[in-house]
Amino acid sequence: MSLSHFDERSGIVSVETPWGRWWQTVAEVFIEVNIPTGTPGKDCKVTVKPNFIECRVRDKEIFKGALCKTVRAEECTWTVEERKKILILLEKAEKFENENLWVSLLEGQYIANPYVQHQMMKKLDLEKFQTQYPGFDFSGADLSKSYDKP
């Protein structure tokens, strides 16, 4: 079972924003930006650097700032889907580190609330288990681990 199938089976835990939403896996951060229907790709611009991102549509800034954590900019991609949304894929620089949870997309902006952070931590742990034990299906598992910091 690949990790993409894991997400399909277990669902995503997303942070809703004024412009769309973002969510993460162990290795990647996904950003979905709603744009006016019919917007061509040539009207969209996404710039990604290791610690910075900017998204513009028709010369209007959607978001811009320092990323919460470092990404591998050369591995990041974006596409316009159905001329109504931009999907941005950020490759985490620290994929399988213990503390690879992004609590916000940008530093101090688009922050996951405590409940969503808790759900994200559980999902990342299940995804790590899936990677370590590929013959098992952890998509519906529930962890009893305490995620509260001491």
Protein backbone atom coordinates (compact mmCIF):
# COMPACT_ATOMS: atom_id res chain seq x y z
CA MET A 1 0.00 0.00 0.00
CA SER A 2 1.57 3.30 -1.05
CA LEU A 3 1.22 6.44 1.01
CA SER A 4 -1.12 8.03 -1.53
CA HIS A 5 -3.48 5.09 -1.01
CA PHE A 6 -3.06 5.60 2.74
CA ASP A 7 -4.38 9.15 2.40
CA GLU A 8 -7.23 8.00 0.18
CA ARG A 9 -8.27 5.38 2.74
CA SER A 10 -7.74 7.40 5.91
CA GLY A 11 -8.69 10.87 4.68
CA ILE A 12 -6.79 14.10 5.15
CA VAL A 13 -6.61 16.42 8.15
CA SER A 14 -6.67 19.92 6.70
CA VAL A 15 -6.40 23.49 7.95
CA GLU A 16 -9.02 25.72 6.35
CA THR A 17 -7.86 29.18 5.26
CA PRO A 18 -9.54 32.22 3.65
CA TRP A 19 -8.10 31.15 0.26
CA GLY A 20 -8.46 27.35 0.53
CA ARG A 21 -6.74 24.76 2.73
CA TRP A 22 -3.48 22.95 3.46
CA TRP A 23 -2.60 19.53 4.84
CA GLN A 24 0.44 17.31 5.23
CA THR A 25 1.86 13.82 5.08
CA VAL A 26 5.14 12.58 6.51
CA ALA A 27 7.01 13.70 3.38
CA GLU A 28 4.92 16.50 1.86
CA VAL A 29 2.73 19.53 2.47
CA PHE A 30 -0.18 20.12 0.11
CA ILE A 31 -1.73 23.53 -0.47
CA GLU A 32 -5.03 23.95 -2.30
CA VAL A 33 -5.85 27.51 -3.39
CA ASN A 34 -9.33 28.34 -4.69
CA ILE A 35 -9.20 30.63 -7.72
CA PRO A 36 -11.95 32.14 -9.90
CA THR A 37 -13.42 29.53 -12.24
CA GLY A 38 -11.87 29.73 -15.69
CA THR A 39 -8.52 31.14 -14.52
CA PRO A 40 -5.77 29.99 -16.90
CA GLY A 41 -2.41 28.81 -15.59
CA LYS A 42 -0.65 31.78 -17.19
CA ASP A 43 -2.48 34.05 -14.71
CA CYS A 44 -1.06 32.15 -11.73
CA LYS A 45 2.42 32.37 -10.26
CA VAL A 46 3.88 30.33 -7.42
CA THR A 47 7.42 30.93 -6.16
CA VAL A 48 8.97 28.44 -3.76
CA LYS A 49 12.35 28.76 -2.06
CA PRO A 50 13.67 26.57 0.77
CA ASN A 51 12.12 28.81 3.46
CA PHE A 52 9.75 31.03 1.48
CA ILE A 53 6.61 30.80 -0.66
CA GLU A 54 4.51 33.27 -2.63
CA CYS A 55 1.27 32.63 -4.51
CA ARG A 56 -0.23 35.23 -6.87
CA VAL A 57 -3.28 35.11 -9.13
CA ARG A 58 -3.79 37.82 -11.74
CA ASP A 59 -1.07 39.90 -10.03
CA LYS A 60 -2.97 39.74 -6.71
CA GLU A 61 -1.10 38.32 -3.73
CA ILE A 62 -2.92 35.34 -2.21
CA PHE A 63 -0.26 34.59 0.40
CA LYS A 64 3.43 35.26 0.88
CA GLY A 65 5.92 34.63 3.64
CA ALA A 66 8.41 32.47 5.46
CA LEU A 67 7.49 28.79 5.55
CA CYS A 68 7.04 27.11 8.92
CA LYS A 69 9.87 24.69 8.09
CA THR A 70 12.34 24.10 5.27
CA VAL A 71 11.37 22.46 1.97
CA ARG A 72 13.38 21.02 -0.91
CA ALA A 73 12.46 23.81 -3.34
CA GLU A 74 13.78 22.00 -6.42
CA GLU A 75 11.34 19.13 -5.70
CA CYS A 76 8.25 21.32 -5.19
CA THR A 77 5.61 21.57 -7.91
CA TRP A 78 2.32 23.30 -8.58
CA THR A 79 -0.47 22.97 -11.09
CA VAL A 80 -3.80 24.58 -11.95
CA GLU A 81 -6.57 21.99 -11.75
CA GLU A 82 -9.80 22.33 -13.71
CA ARG A 83 -9.11 26.08 -14.00
CA LYS A 84 -10.57 26.58 -10.52
CA LYS A 85 -7.84 25.70 -8.03
CA ILE A 86 -4.08 25.65 -7.65
CA LEU A 87 -2.55 22.57 -6.05
CA ILE A 88 0.93 23.15 -4.62
CA LEU A 89 3.10 20.25 -3.45
CA LEU A 90 5.93 21.09 -1.06
CA GLU A 91 8.57 18.42 -0.40
CA LYS A 92 9.58 18.50 3.28
CA ALA A 93 13.35 18.75 3.82
CA GLU A 94 13.08 16.76 7.06
CA LYS A 95 10.72 13.96 6.04
CA PHE A 96 11.08 11.26 8.62
CA GLU A 97 12.37 13.29 11.56
CA ASN A 98 10.51 12.90 14.85
CA GLU A 99 9.46 16.55 14.87
CA ASN A 100 8.39 16.97 11.24
CA LEU A 101 4.87 18.18 12.05
CA TRP A 102 4.09 21.58 10.56
CA VAL A 103 1.84 23.44 13.03
CA SER A 104 1.39 26.28 10.55
CA LEU A 105 1.96 26.82 6.86
CA LEU A 106 3.78 30.14 7.22
CA GLU A 107 5.52 31.40 10.35
CA GLY A 108 2.67 32.64 12.53
CA GLN A 109 0.04 32.32 9.78
CA TYR A 110 -2.49 29.66 8.81
CA ILE A 111 -1.96 27.86 12.12
CA ALA A 112 -3.62 24.54 12.87
CA ASN A 113 -5.74 24.79 16.00
CA PRO A 114 -4.82 22.43 18.88
CA TYR A 115 -7.44 19.82 17.90
CA VAL A 116 -6.27 19.75 14.27
CA GLN A 117 -2.62 19.58 15.39
CA HIS A 118 -3.50 16.57 17.54
CA GLN A 119 -5.25 14.88 14.60
CA MET A 120 -2.29 15.67 12.31
CA MET A 121 0.16 14.11 14.79
CA LYS A 122 -1.93 10.94 14.97
CA LYS A 123 -2.17 10.75 11.19
CA LEU A 124 1.59 11.22 10.73
CA ASP A 125 2.28 8.47 13.28
CA LEU A 126 -0.09 6.10 11.47
CA GLU A 127 1.56 6.95 8.17
CA LYS A 128 4.99 6.18 9.69
CA PHE A 129 3.65 2.81 10.92
CA GLN A 130 2.34 2.13 7.41
CA THR A 131 5.82 2.81 6.00
CA GLN A 132 7.46 0.53 8.57
CA TYR A 133 4.89 -2.28 8.19
CA PRO A 134 3.61 -2.13 4.59
CA GLY A 135 1.69 -5.41 4.86
CA PHE A 136 -0.73 -3.98 7.41
CA ASP A 137 -3.55 -1.48 6.92
CA PHE A 138 -3.37 1.31 9.50
CA SER A 139 -5.84 3.61 7.71
CA GLY A 140 -8.62 2.98 10.22
CA ALA A 141 -6.45 2.54 13.32
CA ASP A 142 -6.87 4.67 16.41
CA LEU A 143 -3.87 5.49 18.59
CA SER A 144 -4.12 5.75 22.35
CA LYS A 145 -0.79 7.57 22.62
CA SER A 146 -0.78 10.83 24.57
CA TYR A 147 0.23 13.73 22.33
CA ASP A 148 0.10 16.41 24.99
CA LYS A 149 3.49 17.97 25.62
CA PRO A 150 4.70 17.77 29.23
